[in-house]
Amino acid sequence: MITIFNRRELLTTYDMAQQAQARAVLDAAGIPYKVRVVDRKNGQAMLAGSRARTGSFGENMAMAYEYTIYVAKEDLERAQLALNPAR
């Protein structure tokens, strides 16, 4: 089980395709993971990445969602090798 105490950050991206590909690689390797998604365009003032009352004019909508993939501490090296086999 992956908890806040035994997890390590493997990847942070704003690209949905990249996070989907990383998840597919981790699934194929049998490595458990958790994904955290932060909505950067959220209008609620108390949430992370909030735009509050500023609107969205001029924002890059390609960076609206931030994806962070976490793996268990003991799986970090194996997950890194699975994502970057040329290392």
N, C-alpha and C. Protein backbone atom coordinates (compact mmCIF):
# COMPACT_ATOMS: atom_id res chain seq x y z
N MET A 1 0.84 -1.18 0.00
CA MET A 1 0.00 0.00 0.00
C MET A 1 0.89 1.25 0.00
N ILE A 2 0.55 2.18 -0.85
CA ILE A 2 1.32 3.42 -0.95
C ILE A 2 0.65 4.47 -0.08
N THR A 3 1.43 4.99 0.87
CA THR A 3 0.93 6.04 1.76
C THR A 3 1.82 7.27 1.63
N ILE A 4 1.42 8.33 2.26
CA ILE A 4 2.21 9.56 2.22
C ILE A 4 3.58 9.37 2.88
N PHE A 5 3.70 8.39 3.75
CA PHE A 5 4.94 8.16 4.49
C PHE A 5 5.94 7.27 3.75
N ASN A 6 5.46 6.45 2.83
CA ASN A 6 6.39 5.54 2.14
C ASN A 6 6.45 5.77 0.64
N ARG A 7 5.92 6.88 0.16
CA ARG A 7 5.90 7.12 -1.28
C ARG A 7 7.01 8.08 -1.71
N ARG A 8 7.36 7.99 -2.98
CA ARG A 8 8.33 8.89 -3.59
C ARG A 8 7.75 9.39 -4.90
N GLU A 9 8.05 10.64 -5.23
CA GLU A 9 7.56 11.22 -6.48
C GLU A 9 8.38 10.68 -7.65
N LEU A 10 7.70 10.12 -8.61
CA LEU A 10 8.36 9.56 -9.78
C LEU A 10 8.33 10.54 -10.95
N LEU A 11 7.19 11.20 -11.15
CA LEU A 11 7.02 12.03 -12.33
C LEU A 11 5.99 13.10 -12.06
N THR A 12 6.25 14.31 -12.52
CA THR A 12 5.26 15.39 -12.52
C THR A 12 5.22 15.96 -13.92
N THR A 13 4.01 16.06 -14.47
CA THR A 13 3.85 16.55 -15.84
C THR A 13 2.51 17.24 -15.99
N TYR A 14 2.41 18.06 -17.01
CA TYR A 14 1.14 18.69 -17.38
C TYR A 14 0.55 18.02 -18.62
N ASP A 15 1.23 17.05 -19.17
CA ASP A 15 0.85 16.38 -20.40
C ASP A 15 0.08 15.09 -20.10
N MET A 16 -1.20 15.06 -20.48
CA MET A 16 -2.04 13.89 -20.20
C MET A 16 -1.50 12.64 -20.90
N ALA A 17 -1.03 12.79 -22.12
CA ALA A 17 -0.50 11.63 -22.85
C ALA A 17 0.74 11.07 -22.17
N GLN A 18 1.60 11.93 -21.67
CA GLN A 18 2.82 11.47 -21.00
C GLN A 18 2.48 10.72 -19.71
N GLN A 19 1.52 11.23 -18.94
CA GLN A 19 1.18 10.52 -17.71
C GLN A 19 0.48 9.21 -18.03
N ALA A 20 -0.31 9.15 -19.10
CA ALA A 20 -0.97 7.91 -19.48
C ALA A 20 0.06 6.87 -19.93
N GLN A 21 1.07 7.32 -20.67
CA GLN A 21 2.12 6.41 -21.12
C GLN A 21 2.92 5.89 -19.92
N ALA A 22 3.23 6.76 -18.97
CA ALA A 22 3.96 6.34 -17.77
C ALA A 22 3.16 5.32 -16.98
N ARG A 23 1.87 5.56 -16.85
CA ARG A 23 1.01 4.62 -16.13
C ARG A 23 0.95 3.27 -16.83
N ALA A 24 0.92 3.27 -18.17
CA ALA A 24 0.91 2.02 -18.92
C ALA A 24 2.20 1.23 -18.71
N VAL A 25 3.33 1.94 -18.68
CA VAL A 25 4.62 1.29 -18.45
C VAL A 25 4.67 0.70 -17.04
N LEU A 26 4.20 1.44 -16.06
CA LEU A 26 4.19 0.95 -14.68
C LEU A 26 3.27 -0.25 -14.53
N ASP A 27 2.10 -0.20 -15.18
CA ASP A 27 1.19 -1.35 -15.16
C ASP A 27 1.85 -2.59 -15.76
N ALA A 28 2.51 -2.41 -16.90
CA ALA A 28 3.16 -3.54 -17.58
C ALA A 28 4.29 -4.13 -16.72
N ALA A 29 4.95 -3.27 -15.95
CA ALA A 29 6.04 -3.73 -15.09
C ALA A 29 5.53 -4.26 -13.75
N GLY A 30 4.24 -4.12 -13.49
CA GLY A 30 3.67 -4.60 -12.23
C GLY A 30 4.04 -3.74 -11.04
N ILE A 31 4.26 -2.46 -11.26
CA ILE A 31 4.64 -1.54 -10.20
C ILE A 31 3.41 -0.74 -9.77
N PRO A 32 3.00 -0.86 -8.51
CA PRO A 32 1.85 -0.08 -8.05
C PRO A 32 2.20 1.41 -7.96
N TYR A 33 1.20 2.26 -8.20
CA TYR A 33 1.43 3.70 -8.19
C TYR A 33 0.15 4.42 -7.77
N LYS A 34 0.29 5.68 -7.45
CA LYS A 34 -0.84 6.57 -7.16
C LYS A 34 -0.65 7.81 -8.02
N VAL A 35 -1.76 8.38 -8.50
CA VAL A 35 -1.70 9.59 -9.30
C VAL A 35 -2.45 10.69 -8.56
N ARG A 36 -1.83 11.84 -8.47
CA ARG A 36 -2.46 13.03 -7.88
C ARG A 36 -2.68 14.02 -9.02
N VAL A 37 -3.89 14.52 -9.15
CA VAL A 37 -4.23 15.48 -10.20
C VAL A 37 -4.64 16.78 -9.52
N VAL A 38 -3.98 17.87 -9.94
CA VAL A 38 -4.32 19.19 -9.42
C VAL A 38 -4.89 20.00 -10.57
N ASP A 39 -6.10 20.52 -10.36
CA ASP A 39 -6.78 21.36 -11.35
C ASP A 39 -6.32 22.79 -11.14
N ARG A 40 -5.43 23.27 -12.00
CA ARG A 40 -4.84 24.60 -11.86
C ARG A 40 -5.80 25.72 -12.23
N LYS A 41 -6.91 25.40 -12.86
CA LYS A 41 -7.85 26.44 -13.24
C LYS A 41 -9.06 26.51 -12.30
N ASN A 42 -8.96 25.82 -11.19
CA ASN A 42 -10.04 25.80 -10.21
C ASN A 42 -10.29 27.20 -9.66
N GLY A 43 -11.53 27.57 -9.53
CA GLY A 43 -11.89 28.91 -9.07
C GLY A 43 -12.07 29.05 -7.57
N GLN A 44 -11.92 27.99 -6.81
CA GLN A 44 -12.11 28.10 -5.37
C GLN A 44 -10.85 28.63 -4.72
N ALA A 45 -10.98 29.67 -3.94
CA ALA A 45 -9.84 30.38 -3.37
C ALA A 45 -8.98 29.54 -2.44
N MET A 46 -9.54 28.55 -1.79
CA MET A 46 -8.79 27.78 -0.80
C MET A 46 -8.08 26.55 -1.38
N LEU A 47 -8.25 26.29 -2.66
CA LEU A 47 -7.63 25.11 -3.25
C LEU A 47 -6.30 25.46 -3.92
N ALA A 48 -5.41 24.46 -3.96
CA ALA A 48 -4.07 24.67 -4.56
C ALA A 48 -4.21 25.05 -6.02
N GLY A 49 -3.38 25.97 -6.46
CA GLY A 49 -3.39 26.38 -7.86
C GLY A 49 -4.55 27.28 -8.21
N SER A 50 -5.18 27.83 -7.22
CA SER A 50 -6.39 28.61 -7.42
C SER A 50 -6.13 29.86 -8.26
N ARG A 51 -7.10 30.20 -9.09
CA ARG A 51 -7.03 31.44 -9.83
C ARG A 51 -7.91 32.49 -9.18
N ALA A 52 -8.61 32.09 -8.09
CA ALA A 52 -9.48 32.98 -7.32
C ALA A 52 -10.41 33.75 -8.24
N ARG A 53 -10.32 35.06 -8.21
CA ARG A 53 -11.23 35.87 -9.03
C ARG A 53 -10.52 36.50 -10.21
N THR A 54 -9.39 35.96 -10.60
CA THR A 54 -8.60 36.57 -11.66
C THR A 54 -9.05 36.17 -13.05
N GLY A 55 -9.88 35.14 -13.19
CA GLY A 55 -10.30 34.68 -14.50
C GLY A 55 -9.25 33.81 -15.15
N SER A 56 -9.45 33.49 -16.41
CA SER A 56 -8.51 32.61 -17.09
C SER A 56 -7.93 33.24 -18.36
N PHE A 57 -8.15 34.53 -18.56
CA PHE A 57 -7.62 35.20 -19.75
C PHE A 57 -6.10 35.13 -19.76
N GLY A 58 -5.54 34.66 -20.85
CA GLY A 58 -4.10 34.58 -20.99
C GLY A 58 -3.46 33.33 -20.41
N GLU A 59 -4.25 32.46 -19.79
CA GLU A 59 -3.69 31.23 -19.24
C GLU A 59 -3.47 30.20 -20.34
N ASN A 60 -2.43 29.42 -20.20
CA ASN A 60 -2.15 28.33 -21.12
C ASN A 60 -3.00 27.13 -20.68
N MET A 61 -4.04 26.81 -21.43
CA MET A 61 -4.95 25.74 -21.05
C MET A 61 -4.29 24.36 -21.14
N ALA A 62 -3.17 24.26 -21.84
CA ALA A 62 -2.43 22.99 -21.87
C ALA A 62 -1.82 22.68 -20.51
N MET A 63 -1.73 23.69 -19.65
CA MET A 63 -1.16 23.50 -18.32
C MET A 63 -2.25 23.61 -17.25
N ALA A 64 -3.47 23.25 -17.59
CA ALA A 64 -4.59 23.36 -16.66
C ALA A 64 -4.55 22.27 -15.58
N TYR A 65 -4.03 21.10 -15.91
CA TYR A 65 -3.98 19.99 -14.96
C TYR A 65 -2.54 19.56 -14.74
N GLU A 66 -2.19 19.36 -13.48
CA GLU A 66 -0.86 18.87 -13.12
C GLU A 66 -1.01 17.44 -12.62
N TYR A 67 -0.26 16.52 -13.20
CA TYR A 67 -0.30 15.11 -12.83
C TYR A 67 1.00 14.75 -12.12
N THR A 68 0.89 14.18 -10.92
CA THR A 68 2.05 13.70 -10.19
C THR A 68 1.86 12.22 -9.91
N ILE A 69 2.84 11.41 -10.29
CA ILE A 69 2.77 9.97 -10.09
C ILE A 69 3.74 9.61 -8.96
N TYR A 70 3.21 8.88 -7.99
CA TYR A 70 4.00 8.43 -6.84
C TYR A 70 4.10 6.91 -6.86
N VAL A 71 5.24 6.41 -6.42
CA VAL A 71 5.45 4.97 -6.24
C VAL A 71 5.98 4.75 -4.83
N ALA A 72 5.93 3.51 -4.38
CA ALA A 72 6.49 3.17 -3.07
C ALA A 72 8.00 3.39 -3.11
N LYS A 73 8.54 3.76 -1.97
CA LYS A 73 9.98 4.06 -1.86
C LYS A 73 10.83 2.91 -2.38
N GLU A 74 10.45 1.68 -2.06
CA GLU A 74 11.26 0.53 -2.48
C GLU A 74 11.13 0.24 -3.98
N ASP A 75 10.12 0.79 -4.65
CA ASP A 75 9.94 0.58 -6.08
C ASP A 75 10.48 1.72 -6.95
N LEU A 76 11.01 2.76 -6.34
CA LEU A 76 11.41 3.96 -7.08
C LEU A 76 12.45 3.65 -8.16
N GLU A 77 13.52 2.96 -7.81
CA GLU A 77 14.58 2.69 -8.78
C GLU A 77 14.07 1.82 -9.93
N ARG A 78 13.29 0.82 -9.61
CA ARG A 78 12.73 -0.07 -10.63
C ARG A 78 11.79 0.71 -11.56
N ALA A 79 11.00 1.63 -10.99
CA ALA A 79 10.08 2.44 -11.79
C ALA A 79 10.84 3.41 -12.69
N GLN A 80 11.92 4.00 -12.17
CA GLN A 80 12.75 4.90 -12.98
C GLN A 80 13.36 4.15 -14.16
N LEU A 81 13.83 2.95 -13.92
CA LEU A 81 14.41 2.13 -14.99
C LEU A 81 13.36 1.72 -16.01
N ALA A 82 12.15 1.45 -15.55
CA ALA A 82 11.07 1.08 -16.47
C ALA A 82 10.70 2.25 -17.39
N LEU A 83 10.71 3.47 -16.85
CA LEU A 83 10.37 4.64 -17.65
C LEU A 83 11.52 5.10 -18.55
N ASN A 84 12.75 4.87 -18.11
CA ASN A 84 13.94 5.29 -18.86
C ASN A 84 14.89 4.11 -19.01
N PRO A 85 14.58 3.14 -19.85
CA PRO A 85 15.41 1.94 -19.95
C PRO A 85 16.81 2.18 -20.50
N ALA A 86 17.05 3.31 -21.14
CA ALA A 86 18.36 3.59 -21.74
C ALA A 86 19.38 4.06 -20.71
N ARG A 87 18.96 4.31 -19.50
CA ARG A 87 19.87 4.80 -18.45
C ARG A 87 20.95 3.85 -18.15
